[in-house]
Amino acid sequence: MSGFQSLARAMFLSFRRDKRALFFSILFPLMFLVVFGGIFGSVSTSKVKVLEVGSVPMLDQALAHDPAGVNKVMTITKATDRAAALKKVGKGDDDAAVEQQGTQMIVHYSAADRVKAATAQGIINALVEQTNLAATGKPPAYTLVTRQVEDTSLKAIQFITPGMLGWALSSAAMFGAAQTLVTWRTKGILRRLQLSPVPIRNVFAARVAVSLGVALIQTAVFLSVAQLPVFGLKLAGSWWMSIPVVLAGVLAFLAIGMVVGASAKTQDSAQTLIQMIVFPMVFLGGSFFPLDNAPSWLQTVSYAVPLRYLNEGMLNVMGRGLGPASALPQIGVLLGIALVATLVAMRLFRWDDN
């Protein structure tokens, strides 16, 4: 245990003294959080997904009158369970839920994607006006009411923070693991460690422990910055569940980094391989833009990207206000990836380049 503690302390001090590692692990991703946190992206969209809760005569009438026109701008799905429909909107599975109470058209929307929400409201409002004119030819008989499914205090920063944090954690874990393994092997450190009295498992356990500790520091820094008044992050009640999500995610990306480090022969080749993995992953994993806006084939591909599960798990408990159990599937997937990648890394592992 004393050997493990000494190794872990030495590795952490080495990381702290490495200004480049500190910059790219914490400060560089943090700059993106600051930039994206202060800007609402404007993304064009052509079709929205709407849930029709119960009977909505006005919507049915519009669909019967001009099915081609309505289907061109939105997809309507019948829903009988109001609570389940609102939950789907809150999770981002659908863009809006519509119900009719007398002459009121009520549109429930989510703050997760303000572009889709505004589009859905605009389309329903246009249908209301058209129905009014067609039915009466007089001043509007129907009125439109919009209601956000989340607490009205939610801001975009609550949906940006998990994505930027996921990118920072995955990049730091993969680069750190790959570079460490390649450096130790090419400089003969692995052979010397093999002959040292400290068990080699303690060496790798210390490296993992340091990476998990750095990840928790990254998380604390990101959440602290995002909670500044200029951004106004408000953590949901189960935000603490993001900690096991972060730990599971770091284990997964450490294992992927070990696979790269075990297969790469030089530091340059390891960096190239990591970059080839990281940059497509941050886009496919939903760090820079919501996957709901992506084409359906791209959304399908994203399920094969580990970062999607890290981002989604944190988003569920940080921003969407879902319970602790909502992150369990993502944690399970990340731990499964960590196990598989670790087995692959062990298979590829070699003590030197000979």
Protein backbone atom coordinates (compact mmCIF):
# COMPACT_ATOMS: atom_id res chain seq x y z
CA MET A 1 0.00 0.00 0.00
CA SER A 2 2.88 2.40 0.77
CA GLY A 3 4.32 1.71 -2.69
CA PHE A 4 0.94 2.40 -4.28
CA GLN A 5 0.60 5.68 -2.36
CA SER A 6 4.09 6.81 -3.33
CA LEU A 7 3.48 6.03 -6.98
CA ALA A 8 0.11 7.75 -7.00
CA ARG A 9 1.57 10.86 -5.34
CA ALA A 10 4.50 10.97 -7.77
CA MET A 11 2.18 10.61 -10.79
CA PHE A 12 -0.16 13.32 -9.55
CA LEU A 13 2.72 15.74 -8.87
CA SER A 14 4.07 14.98 -12.35
CA PHE A 15 0.67 15.82 -13.86
CA ARG A 16 0.44 19.03 -11.83
CA ARG A 17 3.88 20.18 -12.99
CA ASP A 18 3.07 19.45 -16.63
CA LYS A 19 1.65 22.80 -17.79
CA ARG A 20 0.67 21.41 -21.19
CA ALA A 21 -1.30 18.57 -19.62
CA LEU A 22 -3.06 20.99 -17.27
CA PHE A 23 -3.94 23.30 -20.15
CA PHE A 24 -5.36 20.64 -22.46
CA SER A 25 -7.08 18.70 -19.66
CA ILE A 26 -8.85 21.59 -17.93
CA LEU A 27 -8.31 25.07 -19.34
CA PHE A 28 -8.73 24.33 -23.06
CA PRO A 29 -12.10 22.51 -22.72
CA LEU A 30 -13.16 25.10 -20.15
CA MET A 31 -12.75 27.84 -22.75
CA PHE A 32 -15.29 26.04 -24.93
CA LEU A 33 -17.67 25.85 -21.97
CA VAL A 34 -17.38 29.62 -21.54
CA VAL A 35 -17.89 30.30 -25.26
CA PHE A 36 -20.77 27.88 -25.86
CA GLY A 37 -22.33 28.68 -22.50
CA GLY A 38 -22.79 32.31 -23.53
CA ILE A 39 -24.15 31.63 -26.99
CA PHE A 40 -27.42 30.10 -28.22
CA GLY A 41 -26.73 28.28 -31.47
CA SER A 42 -29.15 28.93 -34.33
CA VAL A 43 -29.68 25.68 -36.21
CA SER A 44 -32.25 25.40 -38.98
CA THR A 45 -34.68 22.51 -38.77
CA SER A 46 -37.30 21.23 -41.16
CA LYS A 47 -39.44 18.76 -39.26
CA VAL A 48 -40.49 18.43 -35.63
CA LYS A 49 -41.88 15.47 -33.72
CA VAL A 50 -45.17 16.23 -31.97
CA LEU A 51 -47.17 14.06 -29.57
CA GLU A 52 -50.96 14.48 -29.77
CA VAL A 53 -52.19 13.92 -26.23
CA GLY A 54 -55.75 12.59 -26.17
CA SER A 55 -58.23 14.13 -28.59
CA VAL A 56 -57.11 17.31 -30.35
CA PRO A 57 -59.91 18.08 -32.86
CA MET A 58 -58.20 21.14 -34.24
CA LEU A 59 -55.03 19.20 -35.06
CA ASP A 60 -57.02 16.31 -36.53
CA GLN A 61 -59.00 18.76 -38.66
CA ALA A 62 -55.83 20.39 -39.98
CA LEU A 63 -54.34 16.99 -40.76
CA ALA A 64 -57.49 15.89 -42.60
CA HIS A 65 -57.70 19.16 -44.54
CA ASP A 66 -54.06 19.28 -45.69
CA PRO A 67 -52.20 16.06 -44.77
CA ALA A 68 -49.34 16.72 -47.20
CA GLY A 69 -48.71 20.19 -45.81
CA VAL A 70 -48.81 19.11 -42.16
CA ASN A 71 -46.65 16.01 -42.70
CA LYS A 72 -44.09 18.14 -44.49
CA VAL A 73 -43.29 20.14 -41.36
CA MET A 74 -43.98 17.74 -38.50
CA THR A 75 -44.56 14.13 -37.50
CA ILE A 76 -47.64 13.57 -35.32
CA THR A 77 -47.87 10.60 -32.97
CA LYS A 78 -50.93 9.75 -30.87
CA ALA A 79 -50.40 9.53 -27.10
CA THR A 80 -52.94 8.54 -24.45
CA ASP A 81 -50.76 8.90 -21.35
CA ARG A 82 -50.21 12.62 -20.66
CA ALA A 83 -47.48 12.08 -18.04
CA ALA A 84 -45.55 9.71 -20.30
CA ALA A 85 -45.83 12.17 -23.20
CA LEU A 86 -44.46 15.05 -21.11
CA LYS A 87 -41.62 12.82 -19.92
CA LYS A 88 -40.69 12.03 -23.52
CA VAL A 89 -40.58 15.74 -24.33
CA GLY A 90 -38.45 16.40 -21.26
CA LYS A 91 -35.98 13.69 -22.29
CA GLY A 92 -35.75 15.06 -25.81
CA ASP A 93 -37.34 12.02 -27.50
CA ASP A 94 -40.05 14.29 -28.95
CA ASP A 95 -40.07 18.03 -29.60
CA ALA A 96 -43.50 18.96 -28.23
CA ALA A 97 -46.73 17.55 -26.82
CA VAL A 98 -50.05 19.13 -27.81
CA GLU A 99 -53.38 18.89 -26.01
CA GLN A 100 -56.66 20.74 -26.39
CA GLN A 101 -58.81 22.03 -23.55
CA GLY A 102 -61.90 23.70 -24.91
CA THR A 103 -60.70 26.50 -27.15
CA GLN A 104 -57.17 26.39 -25.80
CA MET A 105 -54.35 24.65 -27.65
CA ILE A 106 -51.64 23.81 -25.12
CA VAL A 107 -48.14 23.13 -26.41
CA HIS A 108 -45.69 21.54 -23.96
CA TYR A 109 -42.05 22.01 -24.94
CA SER A 110 -38.57 21.43 -23.55
CA ALA A 111 -35.76 23.88 -22.88
CA ALA A 112 -33.26 21.26 -24.03
CA ASP A 113 -33.60 22.44 -27.64
CA ARG A 114 -35.00 25.94 -27.96
CA VAL A 115 -34.82 25.83 -31.78
CA LYS A 116 -37.10 22.79 -31.99
CA ALA A 117 -39.38 24.22 -29.29
CA ALA A 118 -39.79 27.52 -31.15
CA THR A 119 -40.39 25.68 -34.42
CA ALA A 120 -43.10 23.50 -32.88
CA GLN A 121 -44.80 26.53 -31.31
CA GLY A 122 -44.69 28.44 -34.59
CA ILE A 123 -46.21 25.57 -36.56
CA ILE A 124 -49.01 24.97 -34.06
CA ASN A 125 -49.71 28.71 -33.88
CA ALA A 126 -50.01 28.84 -37.68
CA LEU A 127 -52.43 25.89 -37.60
CA VAL A 128 -54.50 27.64 -34.93
CA GLU A 129 -54.78 30.78 -37.04
CA GLN A 130 -55.65 28.83 -40.18
CA THR A 131 -58.31 26.84 -38.33
CA ASN A 132 -59.80 30.04 -36.91
CA LEU A 133 -60.12 31.60 -40.33
CA ALA A 134 -61.42 28.46 -42.00
CA ALA A 135 -63.97 27.72 -39.29
CA THR A 136 -65.34 31.18 -38.48
CA GLY A 137 -63.86 33.85 -40.71
CA LYS A 138 -63.96 35.97 -37.57
CA PRO A 139 -61.46 36.95 -34.86
CA PRO A 140 -59.69 33.93 -33.35
CA ALA A 141 -61.83 31.49 -31.45
CA TYR A 142 -58.88 29.34 -30.43
CA THR A 143 -55.91 30.51 -28.36
CA LEU A 144 -52.44 29.04 -28.08
CA VAL A 145 -50.85 28.36 -24.68
CA THR A 146 -47.22 27.22 -24.35
CA ARG A 147 -45.79 25.51 -21.29
CA GLN A 148 -42.24 24.39 -20.65
CA VAL A 149 -42.05 20.84 -19.29
CA GLU A 150 -39.05 21.65 -17.09
CA ASP A 151 -38.71 24.24 -14.39
CA THR A 152 -38.67 27.68 -16.01
CA SER A 153 -35.36 28.45 -14.34
CA LEU A 154 -33.50 26.05 -16.67
CA LYS A 155 -30.95 27.65 -18.96
CA ALA A 156 -28.93 26.43 -21.92
CA ILE A 157 -25.83 26.11 -19.70
CA GLN A 158 -27.45 23.10 -18.05
CA PHE A 159 -27.38 21.28 -21.36
CA ILE A 160 -24.01 22.59 -22.53
CA THR A 161 -22.04 21.76 -19.38
CA PRO A 162 -22.35 17.93 -19.58
CA GLY A 163 -21.26 17.90 -23.23
CA MET A 164 -18.20 20.05 -22.69
CA LEU A 165 -17.29 18.15 -19.52
CA GLY A 166 -17.67 14.80 -21.29
CA TRP A 167 -15.30 15.95 -24.02
CA ALA A 168 -12.72 17.13 -21.46
CA LEU A 169 -12.88 13.90 -19.44
CA SER A 170 -12.67 11.54 -22.42
CA SER A 171 -9.79 13.43 -24.06
CA ALA A 172 -7.73 13.67 -20.88
CA ALA A 173 -8.23 9.99 -20.02
CA MET A 174 -7.36 8.65 -23.48
CA PHE A 175 -4.39 10.93 -24.10
CA GLY A 176 -3.02 10.33 -20.61
CA ALA A 177 -3.29 6.55 -20.75
CA ALA A 178 -1.90 6.20 -24.27
CA GLN A 179 1.01 8.60 -23.76
CA THR A 180 1.97 7.08 -20.42
CA LEU A 181 2.03 3.51 -21.74
CA VAL A 182 3.97 4.38 -24.90
CA THR A 183 6.50 6.52 -22.98
CA TRP A 184 7.06 3.86 -20.33
CA ARG A 185 7.56 1.15 -22.95
CA THR A 186 9.84 3.08 -25.35
CA LYS A 187 12.05 4.38 -22.51
CA GLY A 188 12.36 0.96 -20.86
CA ILE A 189 10.50 2.05 -17.73
CA LEU A 190 8.10 -0.89 -17.96
CA ARG A 191 10.99 -3.37 -17.84
CA ARG A 192 12.47 -1.64 -14.81
CA LEU A 193 9.09 -1.60 -13.09
CA GLN A 194 8.72 -5.30 -13.85
CA LEU A 195 11.93 -5.96 -11.92
CA SER A 196 11.09 -3.59 -9.04
CA PRO A 197 9.69 -4.85 -5.70
CA VAL A 198 6.43 -2.99 -6.32
CA PRO A 199 3.85 -5.29 -7.99
CA ILE A 200 3.08 -4.11 -11.51
CA ARG A 201 -0.65 -4.15 -10.71
CA ASN A 202 0.01 -1.46 -8.10
CA VAL A 203 1.70 0.68 -10.75
CA PHE A 204 -1.33 0.57 -13.04
CA ALA A 205 -3.73 0.90 -10.10
CA ALA A 206 -1.91 4.08 -9.07
CA ARG A 207 -2.21 5.45 -12.61
CA VAL A 208 -5.94 4.73 -12.65
CA ALA A 209 -6.40 6.30 -9.20
CA VAL A 210 -4.63 9.48 -10.29
CA SER A 211 -6.76 9.68 -13.45
CA LEU A 212 -9.96 9.29 -11.44
CA GLY A 213 -8.80 11.98 -9.00
CA VAL A 214 -7.97 14.38 -11.84
CA ALA A 215 -11.40 13.68 -13.38
CA LEU A 216 -13.12 14.64 -10.15
CA ILE A 217 -11.09 17.87 -10.07
CA GLN A 218 -12.10 18.59 -13.68
CA THR A 219 -15.75 17.99 -12.78
CA ALA A 220 -15.56 20.27 -9.75
CA VAL A 221 -13.92 23.06 -11.80
CA PHE A 222 -16.48 22.80 -14.61
CA LEU A 223 -19.47 22.82 -12.27
CA SER A 224 -18.02 25.72 -10.25
CA VAL A 225 -17.49 27.85 -13.35
CA ALA A 226 -20.89 26.96 -14.81
CA GLN A 227 -22.58 27.99 -11.54
CA LEU A 228 -21.16 31.51 -11.70
CA PRO A 229 -23.92 34.16 -11.95
CA VAL A 230 -22.94 34.98 -15.55
CA PHE A 231 -23.95 31.44 -16.57
CA GLY A 232 -26.38 30.44 -13.82
CA LEU A 233 -26.11 26.65 -13.78
CA LYS A 234 -28.61 25.14 -11.34
CA LEU A 235 -27.91 21.51 -10.55
CA ALA A 236 -30.89 19.16 -10.42
CA GLY A 237 -31.69 17.21 -7.27
CA SER A 238 -29.87 14.03 -8.35
CA TRP A 239 -26.78 15.80 -9.71
CA TRP A 240 -24.56 13.78 -7.35
CA MET A 241 -25.28 10.74 -9.52
CA SER A 242 -23.06 12.35 -12.14
CA ILE A 243 -20.06 11.34 -9.99
CA PRO A 244 -20.41 7.57 -10.63
CA VAL A 245 -21.20 8.40 -14.28
CA VAL A 246 -17.93 10.36 -14.49
CA LEU A 247 -15.94 7.58 -12.82
CA ALA A 248 -17.41 4.91 -15.11
CA GLY A 249 -16.74 7.10 -18.14
CA VAL A 250 -13.12 7.74 -17.18
CA LEU A 251 -12.55 4.01 -16.68
CA ALA A 252 -13.94 3.35 -20.16
CA PHE A 253 -11.78 5.99 -21.84
CA LEU A 254 -8.69 5.00 -19.86
CA ALA A 255 -9.15 1.47 -21.17
CA ILE A 256 -9.55 2.75 -24.75
CA GLY A 257 -6.39 4.82 -24.28
CA MET A 258 -4.58 1.70 -23.06
CA VAL A 259 -5.61 -0.12 -26.25
CA VAL A 260 -4.12 2.71 -28.30
CA GLY A 261 -0.98 2.82 -26.14
CA ALA A 262 -0.51 -0.93 -26.40
CA SER A 263 -0.79 -0.91 -30.20
CA ALA A 264 1.10 2.33 -31.01
CA LYS A 265 4.87 2.17 -31.40
CA THR A 266 5.69 5.87 -30.91
CA GLN A 267 4.24 8.89 -29.13
CA ASP A 268 3.46 10.55 -32.46
CA SER A 269 1.49 7.56 -33.70
CA ALA A 270 -0.36 7.37 -30.36
CA GLN A 271 -1.32 11.06 -30.61
CA THR A 272 -2.52 10.59 -34.18
CA LEU A 273 -4.66 7.58 -33.27
CA ILE A 274 -6.19 9.38 -30.28
CA GLN A 275 -7.03 12.43 -32.40
CA MET A 276 -8.64 10.18 -35.01
CA ILE A 277 -10.85 8.80 -32.23
CA VAL A 278 -11.55 11.98 -30.25
CA PHE A 279 -12.57 14.46 -32.92
CA PRO A 280 -15.26 12.34 -34.63
CA MET A 281 -16.41 11.16 -31.22
CA VAL A 282 -17.12 14.63 -29.80
CA PHE A 283 -19.46 15.36 -32.71
CA LEU A 284 -21.11 11.94 -32.82
CA GLY A 285 -21.37 11.88 -29.02
CA GLY A 286 -23.38 15.10 -28.79
CA SER A 287 -20.78 17.31 -27.09
CA PHE A 288 -21.04 20.21 -29.54
CA PHE A 289 -24.63 19.94 -30.78
CA PRO A 290 -27.77 18.02 -29.75
CA LEU A 291 -28.14 14.71 -31.55
CA ASP A 292 -31.88 15.34 -31.90
CA ASN A 293 -31.05 17.73 -34.76
CA ALA A 294 -28.94 15.13 -36.59
CA PRO A 295 -30.22 12.87 -39.37
CA SER A 296 -31.70 9.57 -38.21
CA TRP A 297 -28.80 7.53 -39.61
CA LEU A 298 -26.34 9.68 -37.66
CA GLN A 299 -28.35 9.22 -34.47
CA THR A 300 -28.19 5.46 -35.02
CA VAL A 301 -24.41 5.57 -35.50
CA SER A 302 -24.03 7.61 -32.29
CA TYR A 303 -25.13 4.61 -30.21
CA ALA A 304 -21.78 3.02 -31.05
CA VAL A 305 -19.90 6.03 -29.62
CA PRO A 306 -18.89 5.69 -25.93
CA LEU A 307 -18.99 9.46 -25.35
CA ARG A 308 -22.75 9.50 -26.05
CA TYR A 309 -23.36 7.47 -22.89
CA LEU A 310 -21.14 9.68 -20.73
CA ASN A 311 -22.83 12.85 -22.01
CA GLU A 312 -26.33 11.40 -21.78
CA GLY A 313 -25.85 10.03 -18.26
CA MET A 314 -24.64 13.39 -16.94
CA LEU A 315 -27.34 15.31 -18.82
CA ASN A 316 -30.13 13.15 -17.36
CA VAL A 317 -29.19 13.87 -13.75
CA MET A 318 -27.67 17.35 -14.11
CA GLY A 319 -29.96 19.12 -16.56
CA ARG A 320 -33.09 17.10 -17.14
CA GLY A 321 -33.82 16.54 -13.45
CA LEU A 322 -34.35 12.78 -13.85
CA GLY A 323 -33.83 10.41 -10.92
CA PRO A 324 -30.65 8.48 -10.08
CA ALA A 325 -31.89 5.36 -11.88
CA SER A 326 -31.93 7.23 -15.21
CA ALA A 327 -28.10 7.10 -15.32
CA LEU A 328 -27.77 3.39 -14.54
CA PRO A 329 -28.05 2.18 -18.17
CA GLN A 330 -25.30 4.58 -19.24
CA ILE A 331 -23.08 3.51 -16.33
CA GLY A 332 -23.62 -0.14 -17.28
CA VAL A 333 -22.63 0.51 -20.92
CA LEU A 334 -19.53 2.48 -19.91
CA LEU A 335 -18.37 -0.22 -17.49
CA GLY A 336 -18.96 -2.84 -20.18
CA ILE A 337 -16.82 -0.84 -22.61
CA ALA A 338 -14.13 -0.51 -19.91
CA LEU A 339 -14.09 -4.29 -19.38
CA VAL A 340 -13.91 -5.16 -23.09
CA ALA A 341 -11.25 -2.54 -23.84
CA THR A 342 -9.17 -3.67 -20.85
CA LEU A 343 -9.20 -7.27 -22.09
CA VAL A 344 -8.14 -6.09 -25.54
CA ALA A 345 -5.36 -3.94 -24.04
CA MET A 346 -4.08 -6.90 -22.01
CA ARG A 347 -4.02 -8.98 -25.17
CA LEU A 348 -1.99 -6.35 -27.03
CA PHE A 349 0.26 -5.40 -24.08
CA ARG A 350 4.02 -5.85 -24.44
CA TRP A 351 6.84 -4.91 -22.10
CA ASP A 352 9.09 -3.45 -24.80
CA ASP A 353 9.23 -2.88 -28.55
CA ASN A 354 11.36 -5.94 -29.23
